Amino acid sequence: MNVMELLTSAVEKNAADIFLIPGMPFSYKIGGRIIYQGDNRIMPDEMDKMITEIYGLAKNRGMDKVQSHGDDDFSFAIEDLARFRVNSYFQRGSQAAVIRVV
């Protein structure tokens, strides 16, 4: 699943948060419960690509801060879909992210 499909699906399912953690399937927080979306684990190289794609959607947002400080907080909007707040960080040497649907 690419990032746009992931974000669109989250909005359609009324998810509050999206969790992208390497070695785990991606998951949504819906109605206060974390629900895994399938059994396919996101491996670190795939996670790197997804987070790079998220930064691309944010437009004019480089990855310098997360690479130099280990974490970054930012937001972006996709017209006719929703706004999203992102916490991107390194966890045990791999990138991870939590995305809030606003």
N, C-alpha and C. Protein backbone atom coordinates (compact mmCIF):
# COMPACT_ATOMS: atom_id res chain seq x y z
N MET A 1 0.85 -1.18 0.00
CA MET A 1 0.00 0.00 0.00
C MET A 1 0.90 1.24 0.00
N ASN A 2 0.62 2.17 -0.89
CA ASN A 2 1.42 3.39 -0.89
C ASN A 2 0.86 4.38 0.13
N VAL A 3 1.57 5.47 0.32
CA VAL A 3 1.22 6.42 1.38
C VAL A 3 -0.14 7.07 1.13
N MET A 4 -0.44 7.46 -0.10
CA MET A 4 -1.74 8.08 -0.39
C MET A 4 -2.89 7.11 -0.09
N GLU A 5 -2.74 5.85 -0.42
CA GLU A 5 -3.77 4.85 -0.11
C GLU A 5 -3.91 4.71 1.40
N LEU A 6 -2.79 4.70 2.10
CA LEU A 6 -2.79 4.59 3.55
C LEU A 6 -3.54 5.76 4.19
N LEU A 7 -3.25 6.98 3.74
CA LEU A 7 -3.90 8.16 4.29
C LEU A 7 -5.38 8.20 3.95
N THR A 8 -5.71 7.88 2.71
CA THR A 8 -7.12 7.86 2.28
C THR A 8 -7.91 6.83 3.07
N SER A 9 -7.36 5.65 3.23
CA SER A 9 -8.02 4.60 3.99
C SER A 9 -8.24 5.03 5.44
N ALA A 10 -7.24 5.70 6.03
CA ALA A 10 -7.37 6.16 7.42
C ALA A 10 -8.54 7.13 7.56
N VAL A 11 -8.65 8.05 6.62
CA VAL A 11 -9.75 9.03 6.67
C VAL A 11 -11.09 8.32 6.49
N GLU A 12 -11.16 7.40 5.54
CA GLU A 12 -12.41 6.66 5.29
C GLU A 12 -12.85 5.84 6.50
N LYS A 13 -11.89 5.33 7.26
CA LYS A 13 -12.20 4.51 8.44
C LYS A 13 -12.32 5.33 9.71
N ASN A 14 -12.24 6.66 9.59
CA ASN A 14 -12.31 7.56 10.74
C ASN A 14 -11.22 7.28 11.78
N ALA A 15 -10.04 6.98 11.30
CA ALA A 15 -8.91 6.74 12.20
C ALA A 15 -8.43 8.06 12.79
N ALA A 16 -8.02 8.02 14.04
CA ALA A 16 -7.46 9.20 14.69
C ALA A 16 -5.96 9.28 14.43
N ASP A 17 -5.30 8.12 14.40
CA ASP A 17 -3.84 8.06 14.23
C ASP A 17 -3.47 6.91 13.31
N ILE A 18 -2.30 7.07 12.69
CA ILE A 18 -1.69 6.02 11.88
C ILE A 18 -0.31 5.77 12.48
N PHE A 19 0.00 4.50 12.72
CA PHE A 19 1.29 4.13 13.30
C PHE A 19 2.12 3.39 12.26
N LEU A 20 3.32 3.92 11.99
CA LEU A 20 4.25 3.30 11.06
C LEU A 20 5.51 2.94 11.83
N ILE A 21 5.61 1.67 12.18
CA ILE A 21 6.71 1.20 13.02
C ILE A 21 7.39 0.05 12.30
N PRO A 22 8.71 0.14 12.08
CA PRO A 22 9.40 -0.92 11.36
C PRO A 22 9.26 -2.27 12.07
N GLY A 23 9.06 -3.31 11.26
CA GLY A 23 8.92 -4.66 11.80
C GLY A 23 7.51 -5.01 12.21
N MET A 24 6.60 -4.04 12.10
CA MET A 24 5.20 -4.26 12.47
C MET A 24 4.32 -3.93 11.27
N PRO A 25 3.11 -4.52 11.21
CA PRO A 25 2.16 -4.06 10.18
C PRO A 25 1.72 -2.63 10.54
N PHE A 26 1.39 -1.84 9.53
CA PHE A 26 0.91 -0.51 9.87
C PHE A 26 -0.43 -0.66 10.59
N SER A 27 -0.76 0.32 11.41
CA SER A 27 -1.99 0.22 12.20
C SER A 27 -2.65 1.58 12.32
N TYR A 28 -3.94 1.53 12.60
CA TYR A 28 -4.75 2.72 12.82
C TYR A 28 -5.28 2.69 14.24
N LYS A 29 -5.46 3.87 14.82
CA LYS A 29 -6.17 3.98 16.09
C LYS A 29 -7.58 4.43 15.75
N ILE A 30 -8.53 3.55 15.98
CA ILE A 30 -9.94 3.81 15.67
C ILE A 30 -10.76 3.54 16.93
N GLY A 31 -11.52 4.52 17.35
CA GLY A 31 -12.36 4.34 18.53
C GLY A 31 -11.57 3.99 19.78
N GLY A 32 -10.35 4.53 19.89
CA GLY A 32 -9.53 4.28 21.07
C GLY A 32 -8.77 2.96 21.04
N ARG A 33 -8.91 2.17 19.97
CA ARG A 33 -8.22 0.88 19.88
C ARG A 33 -7.25 0.90 18.72
N ILE A 34 -6.10 0.30 18.90
CA ILE A 34 -5.12 0.17 17.82
C ILE A 34 -5.44 -1.10 17.05
N ILE A 35 -5.66 -0.93 15.76
CA ILE A 35 -6.08 -2.05 14.91
C ILE A 35 -5.05 -2.23 13.79
N TYR A 36 -4.39 -3.40 13.79
CA TYR A 36 -3.42 -3.70 12.75
C TYR A 36 -4.13 -3.93 11.43
N GLN A 37 -3.53 -3.44 10.36
CA GLN A 37 -4.11 -3.56 9.03
C GLN A 37 -3.34 -4.65 8.27
N GLY A 38 -3.74 -5.88 8.46
CA GLY A 38 -3.10 -7.00 7.79
C GLY A 38 -1.93 -7.56 8.58
N ASP A 39 -1.22 -8.48 7.94
CA ASP A 39 -0.10 -9.16 8.58
C ASP A 39 1.26 -8.76 7.99
N ASN A 40 1.25 -7.98 6.92
CA ASN A 40 2.50 -7.61 6.26
C ASN A 40 3.27 -6.60 7.09
N ARG A 41 4.45 -7.01 7.50
CA ARG A 41 5.30 -6.13 8.29
C ARG A 41 6.01 -5.13 7.39
N ILE A 42 6.17 -3.92 7.89
CA ILE A 42 6.90 -2.89 7.17
C ILE A 42 8.37 -3.02 7.56
N MET A 43 9.20 -3.33 6.59
CA MET A 43 10.62 -3.48 6.85
C MET A 43 11.30 -2.11 6.79
N PRO A 44 12.47 -1.94 7.43
CA PRO A 44 13.10 -0.62 7.50
C PRO A 44 13.33 0.07 6.16
N ASP A 45 13.72 -0.66 5.12
CA ASP A 45 13.95 -0.01 3.83
C ASP A 45 12.64 0.52 3.24
N GLU A 46 11.56 -0.23 3.41
CA GLU A 46 10.24 0.22 2.94
C GLU A 46 9.77 1.42 3.77
N MET A 47 10.05 1.38 5.07
CA MET A 47 9.68 2.49 5.96
C MET A 47 10.39 3.77 5.53
N ASP A 48 11.67 3.68 5.19
CA ASP A 48 12.42 4.84 4.73
C ASP A 48 11.75 5.47 3.51
N LYS A 49 11.33 4.63 2.57
CA LYS A 49 10.67 5.12 1.35
C LYS A 49 9.34 5.79 1.69
N MET A 50 8.58 5.19 2.61
CA MET A 50 7.28 5.75 2.98
C MET A 50 7.44 7.11 3.66
N ILE A 51 8.40 7.22 4.56
CA ILE A 51 8.59 8.48 5.27
C ILE A 51 9.12 9.55 4.32
N THR A 52 9.98 9.17 3.39
CA THR A 52 10.43 10.11 2.37
C THR A 52 9.25 10.61 1.54
N GLU A 53 8.31 9.71 1.21
CA GLU A 53 7.12 10.08 0.46
C GLU A 53 6.24 11.03 1.28
N ILE A 54 6.13 10.80 2.59
CA ILE A 54 5.35 11.69 3.46
C ILE A 54 5.96 13.09 3.46
N TYR A 55 7.28 13.17 3.57
CA TYR A 55 7.94 14.47 3.51
C TYR A 55 7.68 15.14 2.16
N GLY A 56 7.63 14.37 1.10
CA GLY A 56 7.32 14.92 -0.22
C GLY A 56 5.92 15.50 -0.28
N LEU A 57 4.97 14.85 0.38
CA LEU A 57 3.60 15.38 0.42
C LEU A 57 3.53 16.69 1.20
N ALA A 58 4.44 16.85 2.16
CA ALA A 58 4.45 18.07 2.98
C ALA A 58 4.95 19.28 2.19
N LYS A 59 5.60 19.07 1.08
CA LYS A 59 6.11 20.15 0.21
C LYS A 59 6.94 21.16 0.99
N ASN A 60 8.06 21.48 0.47
CA ASN A 60 8.98 22.46 1.08
C ASN A 60 9.42 22.05 2.47
N ARG A 61 9.41 20.75 2.76
CA ARG A 61 9.86 20.27 4.07
C ARG A 61 10.96 19.26 3.84
N GLY A 62 12.18 19.60 4.23
CA GLY A 62 13.30 18.69 4.08
C GLY A 62 13.41 17.75 5.27
N MET A 63 14.20 16.72 5.11
CA MET A 63 14.38 15.72 6.17
C MET A 63 15.60 16.03 7.03
N ASP A 64 16.17 17.24 6.89
CA ASP A 64 17.38 17.59 7.62
C ASP A 64 17.21 17.48 9.13
N LYS A 65 16.09 17.98 9.64
CA LYS A 65 15.89 17.99 11.11
C LYS A 65 15.82 16.58 11.68
N VAL A 66 15.06 15.69 11.05
CA VAL A 66 14.94 14.34 11.58
C VAL A 66 16.29 13.62 11.50
N GLN A 67 17.05 13.90 10.45
CA GLN A 67 18.34 13.23 10.30
C GLN A 67 19.38 13.76 11.27
N SER A 68 19.31 15.05 11.60
CA SER A 68 20.30 15.62 12.51
C SER A 68 19.90 15.54 13.98
N HIS A 69 18.61 15.61 14.28
CA HIS A 69 18.14 15.62 15.67
C HIS A 69 17.47 14.31 16.12
N GLY A 70 17.10 13.46 15.14
CA GLY A 70 16.48 12.19 15.49
C GLY A 70 14.97 12.22 15.54
N ASP A 71 14.38 13.43 15.45
CA ASP A 71 12.92 13.51 15.40
C ASP A 71 12.49 14.82 14.73
N ASP A 72 11.25 14.87 14.30
CA ASP A 72 10.72 16.05 13.63
C ASP A 72 9.21 16.02 13.73
N ASP A 73 8.61 17.18 13.90
CA ASP A 73 7.16 17.34 13.93
C ASP A 73 6.77 18.34 12.85
N PHE A 74 5.79 17.99 12.06
CA PHE A 74 5.31 18.89 11.01
C PHE A 74 3.90 18.50 10.63
N SER A 75 3.27 19.34 9.81
CA SER A 75 1.93 19.03 9.35
C SER A 75 1.85 19.32 7.86
N PHE A 76 0.82 18.75 7.24
CA PHE A 76 0.54 19.01 5.83
C PHE A 76 -0.92 18.70 5.57
N ALA A 77 -1.41 19.19 4.46
CA ALA A 77 -2.80 18.95 4.08
C ALA A 77 -2.84 18.39 2.67
N ILE A 78 -3.83 17.54 2.43
CA ILE A 78 -4.11 17.04 1.10
C ILE A 78 -5.50 17.53 0.76
N GLU A 79 -5.56 18.34 -0.28
CA GLU A 79 -6.82 18.96 -0.67
C GLU A 79 -7.91 17.91 -0.87
N ASP A 80 -9.09 18.20 -0.36
CA ASP A 80 -10.27 17.33 -0.44
C ASP A 80 -10.11 16.01 0.32
N LEU A 81 -9.10 15.91 1.20
CA LEU A 81 -8.95 14.70 2.01
C LEU A 81 -8.92 15.07 3.49
N ALA A 82 -7.81 15.64 3.96
CA ALA A 82 -7.68 15.98 5.38
C ALA A 82 -6.36 16.69 5.63
N ARG A 83 -6.19 17.13 6.86
CA ARG A 83 -4.89 17.62 7.35
C ARG A 83 -4.29 16.52 8.21
N PHE A 84 -2.96 16.51 8.26
CA PHE A 84 -2.25 15.49 9.01
C PHE A 84 -1.12 16.14 9.80
N ARG A 85 -0.92 15.69 11.03
CA ARG A 85 0.23 16.09 11.84
C ARG A 85 1.13 14.87 11.98
N VAL A 86 2.41 15.06 11.77
CA VAL A 86 3.35 13.95 11.73
C VAL A 86 4.43 14.11 12.80
N ASN A 87 4.72 13.03 13.48
CA ASN A 87 5.90 12.94 14.33
C ASN A 87 6.76 11.85 13.70
N SER A 88 7.86 12.26 13.11
CA SER A 88 8.80 11.33 12.47
C SER A 88 10.02 11.22 13.38
N TYR A 89 10.50 10.01 13.60
CA TYR A 89 11.60 9.83 14.54
C TYR A 89 12.37 8.55 14.23
N PHE A 90 13.54 8.44 14.84
CA PHE A 90 14.33 7.22 14.74
C PHE A 90 14.12 6.40 16.00
N GLN A 91 13.89 5.11 15.81
CA GLN A 91 13.67 4.18 16.90
C GLN A 91 14.56 2.97 16.67
N ARG A 92 15.51 2.76 17.56
CA ARG A 92 16.45 1.65 17.43
C ARG A 92 17.14 1.63 16.07
N GLY A 93 17.49 2.84 15.58
CA GLY A 93 18.23 2.96 14.33
C GLY A 93 17.39 2.97 13.07
N SER A 94 16.08 2.78 13.18
CA SER A 94 15.19 2.79 12.02
C SER A 94 14.21 3.95 12.14
N GLN A 95 13.74 4.44 10.99
CA GLN A 95 12.75 5.51 11.00
C GLN A 95 11.38 4.95 11.34
N ALA A 96 10.60 5.77 12.02
CA ALA A 96 9.22 5.44 12.36
C ALA A 96 8.42 6.74 12.33
N ALA A 97 7.09 6.61 12.35
CA ALA A 97 6.26 7.82 12.33
C ALA A 97 4.90 7.53 12.94
N VAL A 98 4.35 8.56 13.55
CA VAL A 98 2.96 8.55 14.00
C VAL A 98 2.29 9.73 13.31
N ILE A 99 1.17 9.47 12.67
CA ILE A 99 0.46 10.51 11.91
C ILE A 99 -0.92 10.69 12.51
N ARG A 100 -1.24 11.91 12.90
CA ARG A 100 -2.57 12.24 13.43
C ARG A 100 -3.42 12.78 12.31
N VAL A 101 -4.62 12.25 12.17
CA VAL A 101 -5.57 12.77 11.19
C VAL A 101 -6.32 13.91 11.86
N VAL A 102 -6.24 15.10 11.29
CA VAL A 102 -6.84 16.28 11.89
C VAL A 102 -8.12 16.64 11.17
